Amino acid sequence: MDRSGPSIMVFGIVLGVVGAIMAWAVTTNAEGFSINTAGLILFGVGVLTFLIGLLLILLGNRSSTVRRTEGADGRTFEFQEEQHRSI
């Protein structure tokens, strides 16, 4: 079972929390560097990373199976089954 989706989501949550703390809870000022802007960037990257992980979970757990059967008259039939696996 592939665990990359949930791991990426957790990483996104951590980035988002650190970014939110830097953006809205830190009140110090630094010369030439805005810690609040860096926090907003980290928060945005965290949200985007979370969404990518969610997308991997939703789309990554699908598999399809192609089956070929031969009929009584010698013709070959193909059909595709969509299978979903849960985590």
N, C-alpha and C. Protein backbone atom coordinates (compact mmCIF):
# COMPACT_ATOMS: atom_id res chain seq x y z
N MET A 1 0.84 -1.17 0.00
CA MET A 1 0.00 0.00 0.00
C MET A 1 0.89 1.24 0.00
N ASP A 2 0.53 2.21 -0.82
CA ASP A 2 1.32 3.42 -0.96
C ASP A 2 0.88 4.43 0.10
N ARG A 3 1.82 4.92 0.88
CA ARG A 3 1.52 5.86 1.96
C ARG A 3 1.98 7.27 1.64
N SER A 4 2.29 7.59 0.39
CA SER A 4 2.82 8.91 0.08
C SER A 4 1.77 10.00 0.25
N GLY A 5 0.50 9.73 -0.07
CA GLY A 5 -0.54 10.74 0.06
C GLY A 5 -0.71 11.25 1.48
N PRO A 6 -0.93 10.36 2.46
CA PRO A 6 -1.07 10.84 3.84
C PRO A 6 0.20 11.52 4.37
N SER A 7 1.35 11.02 3.97
CA SER A 7 2.60 11.64 4.43
C SER A 7 2.74 13.06 3.89
N ILE A 8 2.37 13.25 2.64
CA ILE A 8 2.43 14.59 2.05
C ILE A 8 1.41 15.51 2.72
N MET A 9 0.25 14.96 3.06
CA MET A 9 -0.76 15.77 3.75
C MET A 9 -0.27 16.22 5.12
N VAL A 10 0.38 15.33 5.87
CA VAL A 10 0.91 15.69 7.19
C VAL A 10 1.99 16.76 7.05
N PHE A 11 2.85 16.61 6.05
CA PHE A 11 3.89 17.62 5.81
C PHE A 11 3.25 18.97 5.48
N GLY A 12 2.18 18.96 4.71
CA GLY A 12 1.46 20.20 4.39
C GLY A 12 0.85 20.84 5.62
N ILE A 13 0.31 20.02 6.52
CA ILE A 13 -0.26 20.55 7.75
C ILE A 13 0.82 21.20 8.61
N VAL A 14 1.98 20.53 8.71
CA VAL A 14 3.09 21.08 9.51
C VAL A 14 3.56 22.40 8.91
N LEU A 15 3.72 22.45 7.59
CA LEU A 15 4.13 23.71 6.94
C LEU A 15 3.10 24.81 7.18
N GLY A 16 1.83 24.45 7.07
CA GLY A 16 0.77 25.43 7.27
C GLY A 16 0.74 25.98 8.68
N VAL A 17 0.93 25.11 9.68
CA VAL A 17 0.91 25.55 11.08
C VAL A 17 2.11 26.45 11.37
N VAL A 18 3.28 26.05 10.91
CA VAL A 18 4.48 26.89 11.12
C VAL A 18 4.31 28.24 10.41
N GLY A 19 3.78 28.21 9.20
CA GLY A 19 3.55 29.45 8.46
C GLY A 19 2.53 30.34 9.14
N ALA A 20 1.45 29.74 9.67
CA ALA A 20 0.44 30.54 10.35
C ALA A 20 0.99 31.18 11.61
N ILE A 21 1.81 30.44 12.34
CA ILE A 21 2.44 31.01 13.54
C ILE A 21 3.34 32.17 13.17
N MET A 22 4.15 31.97 12.12
CA MET A 22 5.05 33.04 11.69
C MET A 22 4.28 34.26 11.16
N ALA A 23 3.17 34.02 10.49
CA ALA A 23 2.44 35.12 9.87
C ALA A 23 1.60 35.91 10.87
N TRP A 24 0.92 35.22 11.79
CA TRP A 24 -0.05 35.92 12.62
C TRP A 24 0.29 35.96 14.11
N ALA A 25 1.24 35.18 14.58
CA ALA A 25 1.53 35.17 16.02
C ALA A 25 2.84 35.85 16.37
N VAL A 26 3.75 35.96 15.43
CA VAL A 26 5.05 36.58 15.70
C VAL A 26 4.93 38.07 15.45
N THR A 27 5.35 38.87 16.44
CA THR A 27 5.23 40.32 16.31
C THR A 27 6.57 41.03 16.20
N THR A 28 7.66 40.31 16.11
CA THR A 28 8.97 40.93 16.03
C THR A 28 9.24 41.42 14.61
N ASN A 29 10.12 42.39 14.50
CA ASN A 29 10.50 42.92 13.20
C ASN A 29 11.99 42.68 12.98
N ALA A 30 12.35 42.34 11.77
CA ALA A 30 13.75 42.14 11.42
C ALA A 30 14.10 43.09 10.28
N GLU A 31 15.33 43.55 10.29
CA GLU A 31 15.80 44.47 9.26
C GLU A 31 16.02 43.73 7.95
N GLY A 32 15.31 44.13 6.90
CA GLY A 32 15.52 43.54 5.58
C GLY A 32 14.83 42.20 5.37
N PHE A 33 14.05 41.74 6.34
CA PHE A 33 13.38 40.44 6.21
C PHE A 33 12.04 40.52 6.92
N SER A 34 10.99 40.18 6.23
CA SER A 34 9.66 40.20 6.84
C SER A 34 9.27 38.77 7.21
N ILE A 35 9.29 38.51 8.51
CA ILE A 35 8.94 37.17 8.98
C ILE A 35 7.46 36.87 8.74
N ASN A 36 6.64 37.90 8.74
CA ASN A 36 5.22 37.71 8.48
C ASN A 36 4.95 37.31 7.02
N THR A 37 5.67 37.91 6.09
CA THR A 37 5.54 37.54 4.68
C THR A 37 6.06 36.13 4.44
N ALA A 38 7.17 35.79 5.07
CA ALA A 38 7.69 34.42 4.95
C ALA A 38 6.69 33.41 5.53
N GLY A 39 6.02 33.80 6.60
CA GLY A 39 4.99 32.94 7.19
C GLY A 39 3.81 32.74 6.26
N LEU A 40 3.38 33.81 5.59
CA LEU A 40 2.29 33.68 4.62
C LEU A 40 2.67 32.77 3.46
N ILE A 41 3.91 32.87 3.01
CA ILE A 41 4.38 32.01 1.92
C ILE A 41 4.39 30.55 2.39
N LEU A 42 4.91 30.30 3.59
CA LEU A 42 4.90 28.93 4.12
C LEU A 42 3.48 28.40 4.30
N PHE A 43 2.58 29.26 4.75
CA PHE A 43 1.19 28.85 4.93
C PHE A 43 0.58 28.45 3.58
N GLY A 44 0.83 29.26 2.54
CA GLY A 44 0.32 28.96 1.21
C GLY A 44 0.89 27.67 0.65
N VAL A 45 2.18 27.48 0.84
CA VAL A 45 2.82 26.24 0.37
C VAL A 45 2.27 25.04 1.14
N GLY A 46 2.00 25.21 2.43
CA GLY A 46 1.43 24.13 3.24
C GLY A 46 0.04 23.74 2.76
N VAL A 47 -0.78 24.73 2.45
CA VAL A 47 -2.13 24.43 1.94
C VAL A 47 -2.04 23.72 0.60
N LEU A 48 -1.17 24.20 -0.28
CA LEU A 48 -1.00 23.57 -1.59
C LEU A 48 -0.48 22.13 -1.45
N THR A 49 0.46 21.92 -0.55
CA THR A 49 1.00 20.58 -0.31
C THR A 49 -0.07 19.65 0.23
N PHE A 50 -0.89 20.15 1.14
CA PHE A 50 -2.00 19.35 1.67
C PHE A 50 -2.95 18.92 0.56
N LEU A 51 -3.28 19.86 -0.32
CA LEU A 51 -4.21 19.55 -1.42
C LEU A 51 -3.61 18.54 -2.40
N ILE A 52 -2.31 18.63 -2.64
CA ILE A 52 -1.65 17.66 -3.51
C ILE A 52 -1.70 16.27 -2.88
N GLY A 53 -1.45 16.19 -1.58
CA GLY A 53 -1.55 14.90 -0.89
C GLY A 53 -2.96 14.33 -0.94
N LEU A 54 -3.96 15.19 -0.79
CA LEU A 54 -5.35 14.75 -0.87
C LEU A 54 -5.67 14.25 -2.28
N LEU A 55 -5.16 14.93 -3.27
CA LEU A 55 -5.36 14.50 -4.66
C LEU A 55 -4.70 13.16 -4.92
N LEU A 56 -3.52 12.94 -4.36
CA LEU A 56 -2.85 11.65 -4.51
C LEU A 56 -3.65 10.52 -3.87
N ILE A 57 -4.27 10.81 -2.74
CA ILE A 57 -5.09 9.79 -2.09
C ILE A 57 -6.31 9.47 -2.94
N LEU A 58 -6.98 10.51 -3.43
CA LEU A 58 -8.22 10.30 -4.17
C LEU A 58 -7.98 9.65 -5.53
N LEU A 59 -6.92 10.03 -6.21
CA LEU A 59 -6.68 9.50 -7.55
C LEU A 59 -5.69 8.34 -7.59
N GLY A 60 -4.91 8.20 -6.56
CA GLY A 60 -3.87 7.19 -6.57
C GLY A 60 -4.32 5.80 -6.17
N ASN A 61 -5.51 5.66 -5.69
CA ASN A 61 -5.98 4.36 -5.22
C ASN A 61 -6.88 3.66 -6.22
N ARG A 62 -6.77 4.03 -7.46
CA ARG A 62 -7.57 3.39 -8.48
C ARG A 62 -6.71 2.46 -9.31
N SER A 63 -7.29 1.38 -9.68
CA SER A 63 -6.61 0.47 -10.60
C SER A 63 -7.66 -0.07 -11.55
N SER A 64 -7.23 -0.41 -12.72
CA SER A 64 -8.16 -0.98 -13.67
C SER A 64 -7.64 -2.33 -14.13
N THR A 65 -8.55 -3.20 -14.45
CA THR A 65 -8.21 -4.55 -14.88
C THR A 65 -8.86 -4.80 -16.23
N VAL A 66 -8.07 -5.27 -17.16
CA VAL A 66 -8.61 -5.63 -18.47
C VAL A 66 -8.67 -7.15 -18.54
N ARG A 67 -9.83 -7.66 -18.87
CA ARG A 67 -10.00 -9.10 -18.96
C ARG A 67 -10.35 -9.46 -20.40
N ARG A 68 -9.75 -10.53 -20.86
CA ARG A 68 -10.03 -11.03 -22.20
C ARG A 68 -10.63 -12.43 -22.07
N THR A 69 -11.74 -12.61 -22.73
CA THR A 69 -12.36 -13.92 -22.72
C THR A 69 -12.64 -14.33 -24.16
N GLU A 70 -12.62 -15.58 -24.38
CA GLU A 70 -12.88 -16.09 -25.72
C GLU A 70 -14.26 -16.73 -25.74
N GLY A 71 -15.06 -16.30 -26.70
CA GLY A 71 -16.41 -16.80 -26.81
C GLY A 71 -16.45 -18.19 -27.43
N ALA A 72 -17.63 -18.77 -27.46
CA ALA A 72 -17.81 -20.12 -28.00
C ALA A 72 -17.54 -20.17 -29.49
N ASP A 73 -17.74 -19.02 -30.16
CA ASP A 73 -17.51 -19.00 -31.61
C ASP A 73 -16.08 -18.58 -31.97
N GLY A 74 -15.21 -18.43 -30.99
CA GLY A 74 -13.81 -18.12 -31.26
C GLY A 74 -13.47 -16.64 -31.19
N ARG A 75 -14.46 -15.76 -31.02
CA ARG A 75 -14.18 -14.33 -30.93
C ARG A 75 -13.64 -13.98 -29.54
N THR A 76 -12.77 -13.00 -29.50
CA THR A 76 -12.20 -12.55 -28.23
C THR A 76 -12.90 -11.28 -27.79
N PHE A 77 -13.32 -11.24 -26.54
CA PHE A 77 -13.99 -10.08 -25.98
C PHE A 77 -13.08 -9.46 -24.92
N GLU A 78 -13.04 -8.13 -24.89
CA GLU A 78 -12.29 -7.41 -23.86
C GLU A 78 -13.24 -6.53 -23.09
N PHE A 79 -13.07 -6.47 -21.81
CA PHE A 79 -13.81 -5.50 -21.02
C PHE A 79 -12.92 -5.02 -19.89
N GLN A 80 -13.20 -3.80 -19.44
CA GLN A 80 -12.36 -3.17 -18.43
C GLN A 80 -13.20 -2.97 -17.18
N GLU A 81 -12.61 -3.36 -16.05
CA GLU A 81 -13.26 -3.17 -14.75
C GLU A 81 -12.49 -2.12 -13.97
N GLU A 82 -13.22 -1.22 -13.36
CA GLU A 82 -12.61 -0.21 -12.50
C GLU A 82 -12.70 -0.71 -11.06
N GLN A 83 -11.57 -0.77 -10.40
CA GLN A 83 -11.54 -1.25 -9.02
C GLN A 83 -11.01 -0.12 -8.12
N HIS A 84 -11.58 0.00 -6.96
CA HIS A 84 -11.13 1.00 -6.00
C HIS A 84 -10.64 0.28 -4.74
N ARG A 85 -9.48 0.68 -4.28
CA ARG A 85 -8.96 0.13 -3.03
C ARG A 85 -9.00 1.20 -1.97
N SER A 86 -9.39 0.85 -0.79
CA SER A 86 -9.40 1.82 0.29
C SER A 86 -8.10 1.73 1.08
N ILE A 87 -7.82 2.78 1.80
CA ILE A 87 -6.57 2.83 2.56
C ILE A 87 -6.76 2.11 3.88
